[in-house]
PDB file of N, CA and C in Angstrom:
ATOM      1  N   UNK A   1      70.074 -55.024 -29.780  1.00  0.00           N
ATOM      2  CA  UNK A   1      70.860 -54.942 -30.711  1.00  0.00           C
ATOM      3  C   UNK A   1      71.293 -53.410 -31.188  1.00  0.00           C
ATOM      4  N   UNK A   2      72.701 -53.422 -31.184  1.00  0.00           N
ATOM      5  CA  UNK A   2      73.775 -51.974 -31.544  1.00  0.00           C
ATOM      6  C   UNK A   2      74.125 -52.208 -32.967  1.00  0.00           C
ATOM      7  N   UNK A   3      73.528 -50.836 -33.340  1.00  0.00           N
ATOM      8  CA  UNK A   3      74.635 -50.956 -34.825  1.00  0.00           C
ATOM      9  C   UNK A   3      76.246 -49.921 -34.857  1.00  0.00           C
ATOM     10  N   UNK A   4      77.057 -49.998 -35.376  1.00  0.00           N
ATOM     11  CA  UNK A   4      78.103 -49.188 -35.126  1.00  0.00           C
ATOM     12  C   UNK A   4      78.166 -48.121 -36.342  1.00  0.00           C
ATOM     13  N   UNK A   5      77.281 -47.235 -36.475  1.00  0.00           N
ATOM     14  CA  UNK A   5      77.583 -46.849 -37.972  1.00  0.00           C
ATOM     15  C   UNK A   5      78.834 -46.210 -38.116  1.00  0.00           C
ATOM     16  N   UNK A   6      79.723 -45.547 -37.142  1.00  0.00           N
ATOM     17  CA  UNK A   6      80.600 -44.974 -37.422  1.00  0.00           C
ATOM     18  C   UNK A   6      81.414 -45.825 -38.060  1.00  0.00           C
ATOM     19  N   UNK A   7      81.198 -47.306 -37.448  1.00  0.00           N
ATOM     20  CA  UNK A   7      81.935 -49.006 -37.631  1.00  0.00           C
ATOM     21  C   UNK A   7      82.104 -49.041 -39.296  1.00  0.00           C
ATOM     22  N   UNK A   8      80.656 -48.677 -39.444  1.00  0.00           N
ATOM     23  CA  UNK A   8      80.135 -49.243 -40.958  1.00  0.00           C
ATOM     24  C   UNK A   8      80.553 -48.163 -41.831  1.00  0.00           C
ATOM     25  N   UNK A   9      80.297 -46.859 -41.104  1.00  0.00           N
ATOM     26  CA  UNK A   9      80.973 -46.280 -42.212  1.00  0.00           C
ATOM     27  C   UNK A   9      82.391 -45.833 -42.795  1.00  0.00           C
ATOM     28  N   UNK A  10      82.949 -46.332 -41.888  1.00  0.00           N
ATOM     29  CA  UNK A  10      84.807 -46.242 -41.668  1.00  0.00           C
ATOM     30  C   UNK A  10      84.538 -47.372 -43.081  1.00  0.00           C
ATOM     31  N   UNK A  11      84.045 -48.420 -42.906  1.00  0.00           N
ATOM     32  CA  UNK A  11      84.656 -49.933 -43.795  1.00  0.00           C
ATOM     33  C   UNK A  11      83.795 -49.595 -44.797  1.00  0.00           C
ATOM     34  N   UNK A  12      82.919 -48.818 -45.083  1.00  0.00           N
ATOM     35  CA  UNK A  12      81.831 -48.542 -45.946  1.00  0.00           C
ATOM     36  C   UNK A  12      83.251 -47.546 -46.875  1.00  0.00           C
ATOM     37  N   UNK A  13      83.244 -46.753 -46.285  1.00  0.00           N
ATOM     38  CA  UNK A  13      84.486 -45.555 -47.029  1.00  0.00           C
ATOM     39  C   UNK A  13      85.797 -46.085 -48.108  1.00  0.00           C
ATOM     40  N   UNK A  14      86.094 -47.376 -46.828  1.00  0.00           N
ATOM     41  CA  UNK A  14      87.621 -47.897 -46.814  1.00  0.00           C
ATOM     42  C   UNK A  14      87.214 -48.659 -48.699  1.00  0.00           C
ATOM     43  N   UNK A  15      85.785 -49.420 -48.317  1.00  0.00           N
ATOM     44  CA  UNK A  15      86.184 -50.531 -49.542  1.00  0.00           C
ATOM     45  C   UNK A  15      85.738 -49.308 -51.033  1.00  0.00           C
ATOM     46  N   UNK A  16      84.425 -48.538 -50.716  1.00  0.00           N
ATOM     47  CA  UNK A  16      84.452 -47.459 -51.286  1.00  0.00           C
ATOM     48  C   UNK A  16      85.930 -47.179 -52.178  1.00  0.00           C
ATOM     49  N   UNK A  17      86.702 -46.301 -51.175  1.00  0.00           N
ATOM     50  CA  UNK A  17      88.188 -45.507 -52.080  1.00  0.00           C
ATOM     51  C   UNK A  17      88.906 -47.263 -52.951  1.00  0.00           C
ATOM     52  N   UNK A  18      88.840 -48.812 -52.614  1.00  0.00           N
ATOM     53  CA  UNK A  18      89.156 -49.246 -52.809  1.00  0.00           C
ATOM     54  C   UNK A  18      88.821 -49.928 -54.448  1.00  0.00           C
ATOM     55  N   UNK A  19      87.626 -49.542 -54.195  1.00  0.00           N
ATOM     56  CA  UNK A  19      86.871 -49.718 -55.830  1.00  0.00           C
ATOM     57  C   UNK A  19      87.302 -48.896 -56.773  1.00  0.00           C
ATOM     58  N   UNK A  20      86.890 -47.510 -56.431  1.00  0.00           N
ATOM     59  CA  UNK A  20      87.597 -46.222 -56.514  1.00  0.00           C
ATOM     60  C   UNK A  20      88.957 -46.276 -57.598  1.00  0.00           C
ATOM     61  N   UNK A  21      89.569 -46.718 -56.718  1.00  0.00           N
ATOM     62  CA  UNK A  21      91.599 -46.593 -57.237  1.00  0.00           C
ATOM     63  C   UNK A  21      91.167 -47.719 -58.383  1.00  0.00           C
ATOM     64  N   UNK A  22      90.499 -49.288 -57.949  1.00  0.00           N
ATOM     65  CA  UNK A  22      91.003 -50.134 -59.311  1.00  0.00           C
ATOM     66  C   UNK A  22      90.507 -49.339 -60.027  1.00  0.00           C
ATOM     67  N   UNK A  23      89.229 -49.171 -60.446  1.00  0.00           N
ATOM     68  CA  UNK A  23      88.702 -48.745 -61.412  1.00  0.00           C
ATOM     69  C   UNK A  23      89.040 -47.943 -62.136  1.00  0.00           C
ATOM     70  N   UNK A  24      89.677 -46.777 -61.809  1.00  0.00           N
ATOM     71  CA  UNK A  24      90.391 -45.362 -62.473  1.00  0.00           C
ATOM     72  C   UNK A  24      91.921 -46.301 -62.786  1.00  0.00           C
ATOM     73  N   UNK A  25      92.451 -47.530 -62.367  1.00  0.00           N
ATOM     74  CA  UNK A  25      93.517 -48.138 -62.425  1.00  0.00           C
ATOM     75  C   UNK A  25      93.373 -49.397 -64.190  1.00  0.00           C
ATOM     76  N   UNK A  26      91.888 -49.402 -63.365  1.00  0.00           N
ATOM     77  CA  UNK A  26      91.079 -50.641 -65.342  1.00  0.00           C
ATOM     78  C   UNK A  26      90.721 -49.011 -65.939  1.00  0.00           C
ATOM     79  N   UNK A  27      90.359 -48.542 -65.869  1.00  0.00           N
ATOM     80  CA  UNK A  27      89.881 -47.117 -67.028  1.00  0.00           C
ATOM     81  C   UNK A  27      91.025 -46.721 -67.626  1.00  0.00           C
ATOM     82  N   UNK A  28      92.239 -46.584 -67.209  1.00  0.00           N
ATOM     83  CA  UNK A  28      93.032 -45.791 -67.954  1.00  0.00           C
ATOM     84  C   UNK A  28      94.141 -46.927 -68.210  1.00  0.00           C
ATOM     85  N   UNK A  29      93.673 -48.287 -68.168  1.00  0.00           N
ATOM     86  CA  UNK A  29      94.214 -48.975 -69.162  1.00  0.00           C
ATOM     87  C   UNK A  29      94.007 -49.078 -70.305  1.00  0.00           C
ATOM     88  N   UNK A  30      92.742 -49.089 -70.808  1.00  0.00           N
ATOM     89  CA  UNK A  30      91.626 -49.730 -71.219  1.00  0.00           C
ATOM     90  C   UNK A  30      92.813 -50.317 -72.755  1.00  0.00           C
ATOM     91  N   UNK A  31      92.508 -50.701 -73.452  1.00  0.00           N
ATOM     92  CA  UNK A  31      92.693 -51.055 -75.021  1.00  0.00           C
ATOM     93  C   UNK A  31      91.924 -51.097 -75.514  1.00  0.00           C
ATOM     94  N   UNK A  32      91.671 -50.152 -76.519  1.00  0.00           N
ATOM     95  CA  UNK A  32      90.574 -49.380 -77.707  1.00  0.00           C
ATOM     96  C   UNK A  32      90.158 -51.154 -77.972  1.00  0.00           C
ATOM     97  N   UNK A  33      90.618 -51.944 -78.377  1.00  0.00           N
ATOM     98  CA  UNK A  33      90.075 -52.961 -79.370  1.00  0.00           C
ATOM     99  C   UNK A  33      90.360 -53.806 -78.416  1.00  0.00           C
ATOM    100  N   UNK A  34      90.198 -54.319 -77.709  1.00  0.00           N
ATOM    101  CA  UNK A  34      91.241 -55.231 -76.836  1.00  0.00           C
ATOM    102  C   UNK A  34      89.505 -55.437 -75.703  1.00  0.00           C
ATOM    103  N   UNK A  35      89.402 -56.957 -75.219  1.00  0.00           N
ATOM    104  CA  UNK A  35      88.486 -57.656 -74.877  1.00  0.00           C
ATOM    105  C   UNK A  35      88.408 -56.700 -73.261  1.00  0.00           C
ATOM    106  N   UNK A  36      87.297 -56.816 -72.919  1.00  0.00           N
ATOM    107  CA  UNK A  36      86.552 -55.660 -72.002  1.00  0.00           C
ATOM    108  C   UNK A  36      85.325 -56.079 -70.836  1.00  0.00           C
ATOM    109  N   UNK A  37      85.128 -57.152 -71.311  1.00  0.00           N
ATOM    110  CA  UNK A  37      83.738 -57.430 -70.985  1.00  0.00           C
ATOM    111  C   UNK A  37      83.680 -57.674 -69.474  1.00  0.00           C
ATOM    112  N   UNK A  38      84.763 -58.234 -68.588  1.00  0.00           N
ATOM    113  CA  UNK A  38      84.943 -58.549 -67.851  1.00  0.00           C
ATOM    114  C   UNK A  38      85.438 -57.243 -66.775  1.00  0.00           C
ATOM    115  N   UNK A  39      85.969 -56.850 -67.359  1.00  0.00           N
ATOM    116  CA  UNK A  39      86.534 -55.094 -66.909  1.00  0.00           C
ATOM    117  C   UNK A  39      85.359 -54.514 -66.669  1.00  0.00           C
ATOM    118  N   UNK A  40      84.239 -54.170 -67.580  1.00  0.00           N
ATOM    119  CA  UNK A  40      83.134 -53.091 -67.679  1.00  0.00           C
ATOM    120  C   UNK A  40      82.032 -53.770 -66.508  1.00  0.00           C
ATOM    121  N   UNK A  41      82.157 -54.633 -66.296  1.00  0.00           N
ATOM    122  CA  UNK A  41      81.275 -55.678 -65.467  1.00  0.00           C
ATOM    123  C   UNK A  41      81.984 -55.353 -64.213  1.00  0.00           C
ATOM    124  N   UNK A  42      83.122 -55.491 -63.636  1.00  0.00           N
ATOM    125  CA  UNK A  42      83.903 -54.697 -62.576  1.00  0.00           C
ATOM    126  C   UNK A  42      83.671 -53.565 -62.126  1.00  0.00           C
ATOM    127  N   UNK A  43      83.947 -52.079 -63.048  1.00  0.00           N
ATOM    128  CA  UNK A  43      83.826 -51.492 -63.348  1.00  0.00           C
ATOM    129  C   UNK A  43      82.360 -50.653 -62.294  1.00  0.00           C
ATOM    130  N   UNK A  44      81.187 -51.436 -63.147  1.00  0.00           N
ATOM    131  CA  UNK A  44      79.585 -50.930 -63.133  1.00  0.00           C
ATOM    132  C   UNK A  44      79.130 -51.452 -61.688  1.00  0.00           C
ATOM    133  N   UNK A  45      80.123 -52.771 -61.804  1.00  0.00           N
ATOM    134  CA  UNK A  45      79.787 -52.880 -60.080  1.00  0.00           C
ATOM    135  C   UNK A  45      80.585 -52.461 -58.720  1.00  0.00           C
ATOM    136  N   UNK A  46      81.726 -51.581 -58.869  1.00  0.00           N
ATOM    137  CA  UNK A  46      82.197 -50.517 -57.886  1.00  0.00           C
ATOM    138  C   UNK A  46      81.522 -49.502 -57.796  1.00  0.00           C
ATOM    139  N   UNK A  47      81.323 -48.762 -59.168  1.00  0.00           N
ATOM    140  CA  UNK A  47      80.568 -47.707 -59.378  1.00  0.00           C
ATOM    141  C   UNK A  47      78.787 -47.800 -58.938  1.00  0.00           C
ATOM    142  N   UNK A  48      78.283 -48.959 -58.580  1.00  0.00           N
ATOM    143  CA  UNK A  48      76.859 -49.465 -57.845  1.00  0.00           C
ATOM    144  C   UNK A  48      77.293 -49.374 -56.221  1.00  0.00           C
ATOM    145  N   UNK A  49      77.933 -49.969 -56.683  1.00  0.00           N
ATOM    146  CA  UNK A  49      78.493 -50.179 -54.427  1.00  0.00           C
ATOM    147  C   UNK A  49      78.588 -48.476 -53.905  1.00  0.00           C
ATOM    148  N   UNK A  50      79.966 -47.947 -54.822  1.00  0.00           N
ATOM    149  CA  UNK A  50      80.427 -46.784 -54.196  1.00  0.00           C
ATOM    150  C   UNK A  50      79.030 -46.020 -54.108  1.00  0.00           C
ATOM    151  N   UNK A  51      77.231 -45.853 -55.059  1.00  0.00           N
ATOM    152  CA  UNK A  51      76.659 -45.547 -54.766  1.00  0.00           C
ATOM    153  C   UNK A  51      75.661 -45.238 -53.893  1.00  0.00           C
ATOM    154  N   UNK A  52      75.665 -47.335 -53.545  1.00  0.00           N
ATOM    155  CA  UNK A  52      75.145 -47.439 -52.553  1.00  0.00           C
ATOM    156  C   UNK A  52      75.523 -47.428 -51.166  1.00  0.00           C
ATOM    157  N   UNK A  53      76.772 -46.923 -51.363  1.00  0.00           N
ATOM    158  CA  UNK A  53      76.998 -46.683 -49.224  1.00  0.00           C
ATOM    159  C   UNK A  53      76.938 -45.230 -49.689  1.00  0.00           C
ATOM    160  N   UNK A  54      77.239 -44.674 -50.875  1.00  0.00           N
ATOM    161  CA  UNK A  54      76.702 -43.546 -50.990  1.00  0.00           C
ATOM    162  C   UNK A  54      75.877 -42.594 -50.397  1.00  0.00           C
ATOM    163  N   UNK A  55      74.286 -43.680 -50.901  1.00  0.00           N
ATOM    164  CA  UNK A  55      72.781 -43.137 -50.625  1.00  0.00           C
ATOM    165  C   UNK A  55      72.642 -43.448 -49.062  1.00  0.00           C
ATOM    166  N   UNK A  56      73.582 -44.159 -48.679  1.00  0.00           N
ATOM    167  CA  UNK A  56      72.978 -45.095 -47.564  1.00  0.00           C
ATOM    168  C   UNK A  56      73.576 -44.005 -45.915  1.00  0.00           C
ATOM    169  N   UNK A  57      74.586 -43.437 -46.500  1.00  0.00           N
ATOM    170  CA  UNK A  57      75.137 -42.528 -45.608  1.00  0.00           C
ATOM    171  C   UNK A  57      75.081 -41.300 -46.230  1.00  0.00           C
ATOM    172  N   UNK A  58      73.480 -40.910 -46.966  1.00  0.00           N
ATOM    173  CA  UNK A  58      73.235 -39.962 -46.772  1.00  0.00           C
ATOM    174  C   UNK A  58      74.168 -38.957 -47.511  1.00  0.00           C
ATOM    175  N   UNK A  59      75.170 -39.434 -48.359  1.00  0.00           N
ATOM    176  CA  UNK A  59      76.312 -38.241 -49.496  1.00  0.00           C
ATOM    177  C   UNK A  59      75.155 -38.403 -50.412  1.00  0.00           C
ATOM    178  N   UNK A  60      74.514 -37.690 -50.737  1.00  0.00           N
ATOM    179  CA  UNK A  60      73.240 -36.733 -52.005  1.00  0.00           C
ATOM    180  C   UNK A  60      74.199 -36.648 -53.116  1.00  0.00           C
ATOM    181  N   UNK A  61      75.119 -35.553 -53.495  1.00  0.00           N
ATOM    182  CA  UNK A  61      75.601 -35.239 -54.076  1.00  0.00           C
ATOM    183  C   UNK A  61      76.873 -36.571 -54.968  1.00  0.00           C
ATOM    184  N   UNK A  62      77.386 -36.931 -54.346  1.00  0.00           N
ATOM    185  CA  UNK A  62      78.192 -38.480 -54.751  1.00  0.00           C
ATOM    186  C   UNK A  62      77.151 -39.581 -54.905  1.00  0.00           C
ATOM    187  N   UNK A  63      76.427 -38.912 -54.393  1.00  0.00           N
ATOM    188  CA  UNK A  63      75.147 -40.496 -54.677  1.00  0.00           C
ATOM    189  C   UNK A  63      74.465 -40.250 -56.031  1.00  0.00           C
ATOM    190  N   UNK A  64      74.399 -39.018 -56.397  1.00  0.00           N
ATOM    191  CA  UNK A  64      73.822 -38.181 -57.734  1.00  0.00           C
ATOM    192  C   UNK A  64      74.761 -38.585 -59.098  1.00  0.00           C
ATOM    193  N   UNK A  65      76.172 -38.654 -58.976  1.00  0.00           N
ATOM    194  CA  UNK A  65      77.656 -38.123 -59.461  1.00  0.00           C
ATOM    195  C   UNK A  65      77.462 -39.856 -59.898  1.00  0.00           C
ATOM    196  N   UNK A  66      77.500 -40.730 -58.996  1.00  0.00           N
ATOM    197  CA  UNK A  66      77.664 -42.301 -59.030  1.00  0.00           C
ATOM    198  C   UNK A  66      77.391 -42.865 -59.939  1.00  0.00           C
ATOM    199  N   UNK A  67      75.585 -42.577 -60.236  1.00  0.00           N
ATOM    200  CA  UNK A  67      74.433 -42.466 -60.389  1.00  0.00           C
ATOM    201  C   UNK A  67      74.506 -42.435 -62.009  1.00  0.00           C
ATOM    202  N   UNK A  68      74.904 -41.439 -62.174  1.00  0.00           N
ATOM    203  CA  UNK A  68      75.698 -40.996 -63.794  1.00  0.00           C
ATOM    204  C   UNK A  68      76.423 -42.017 -64.297  1.00  0.00           C
ATOM    205  N   UNK A  69      77.843 -42.331 -63.535  1.00  0.00           N
ATOM    206  CA  UNK A  69      78.867 -42.710 -63.712  1.00  0.00           C
ATOM    207  C   UNK A  69      78.233 -44.428 -63.994  1.00  0.00           C
ATOM    208  N   UNK A  70      78.004 -44.916 -63.383  1.00  0.00           N
ATOM    209  CA  UNK A  70      76.970 -45.853 -63.309  1.00  0.00           C
ATOM    210  C   UNK A  70      76.652 -46.601 -64.981  1.00  0.00           C
ATOM    211  N   UNK A  71      75.528 -45.401 -65.498  1.00  0.00           N
ATOM    212  CA  UNK A  71      74.930 -45.030 -66.270  1.00  0.00           C
ATOM    213  C   UNK A  71      76.020 -45.292 -67.335  1.00  0.00           C
ATOM    214  N   UNK A  72      76.908 -44.430 -67.269  1.00  0.00           N
ATOM    215  CA  UNK A  72      77.502 -44.999 -68.515  1.00  0.00           C
ATOM    216  C   UNK A  72      78.667 -45.602 -68.424  1.00  0.00           C
ATOM    217  N   UNK A  73      79.067 -46.897 -67.146  1.00  0.00           N
ATOM    218  CA  UNK A  73      79.798 -47.871 -67.468  1.00  0.00           C
ATOM    219  C   UNK A  73      78.731 -49.227 -68.077  1.00  0.00           C
ATOM    220  N   UNK A  74      77.639 -48.749 -67.660  1.00  0.00           N
ATOM    221  CA  UNK A  74      76.212 -49.703 -67.660  1.00  0.00           C
ATOM    222  C   UNK A  74      76.863 -49.795 -69.274  1.00  0.00           C
ATOM    223  N   UNK A  75      76.506 -48.566 -70.051  1.00  0.00           N
ATOM    224  CA  UNK A  75      76.272 -48.378 -71.580  1.00  0.00           C
ATOM    225  C   UNK A  75      77.568 -49.207 -72.470  1.00  0.00           C
ATOM    226  N   UNK A  76      78.371 -49.097 -71.787  1.00  0.00           N
ATOM    227  CA  UNK A  76      79.626 -49.515 -72.310  1.00  0.00           C
ATOM    228  C   UNK A  76      79.626 -51.127 -71.986  1.00  0.00           C
ATOM    229  N   UNK A  77      79.351 -51.385 -70.452  1.00  0.00           N
ATOM    230  CA  UNK A  77      79.079 -53.019 -70.833  1.00  0.00           C
ATOM    231  C   UNK A  77      78.078 -54.072 -71.868  1.00  0.00           C
ATOM    232  N   UNK A  78      77.070 -53.057 -71.604  1.00  0.00           N
ATOM    233  CA  UNK A  78      76.234 -53.468 -72.054  1.00  0.00           C
ATOM    234  C   UNK A  78      76.859 -53.705 -73.976  1.00  0.00           C
ATOM    235  N   UNK A  79      77.319 -52.799 -73.761  1.00  0.00           N
ATOM    236  CA  UNK A  79      77.984 -52.597 -75.640  1.00  0.00           C
ATOM    237  C   UNK A  79      79.329 -53.123 -75.931  1.00  0.00           C
ATOM    238  N   UNK A  80      79.236 -54.325 -74.896  1.00  0.00           N
ATOM    239  CA  UNK A  80      80.540 -55.817 -74.903  1.00  0.00           C
ATOM    240  C   UNK A  80      81.792 -55.101 -75.718  1.00  0.00           C
ATOM    241  N   UNK A  81      82.086 -53.615 -75.366  1.00  0.00           N
ATOM    242  CA  UNK A  81      83.657 -53.204 -76.245  1.00  0.00           C
ATOM    243  C   UNK A  81      83.130 -53.087 -77.628  1.00  0.00           C
ATOM    244  N   UNK A  82      82.311 -52.996 -78.300  1.00  0.00           N
ATOM    245  CA  UNK A  82      82.832 -52.996 -79.371  1.00  0.00           C
ATOM    246  C   UNK A  82      82.714 -51.645 -79.751  1.00  0.00           C
TER     247      UNK A  82
END
C-alpha cells in the first residue's frame, strides 16, 4: 500500500486554509454581547485541525503558534461568552 504524501499535504493545506479563512471571518465579526458558544467551538476545532496537520507534516513553528492560538480559543470557548 502506497500513501501519496504530496496529495495528503495538498489536501491538508487546502482544509487548513479554508478553516483559517472561516475562523478569521468569524472572529472579526464577533458580537461582544451576543451568544458565541457555537462559533467558539468551531474556531477551536479549526485551530486544532490546523495544529494537527502542521504537526503531521513537520511544520514546527506553525504547530507551536497554533497550539497557543488553540489555548486562547479554548479559554474563550470554556468561558461561554461571558
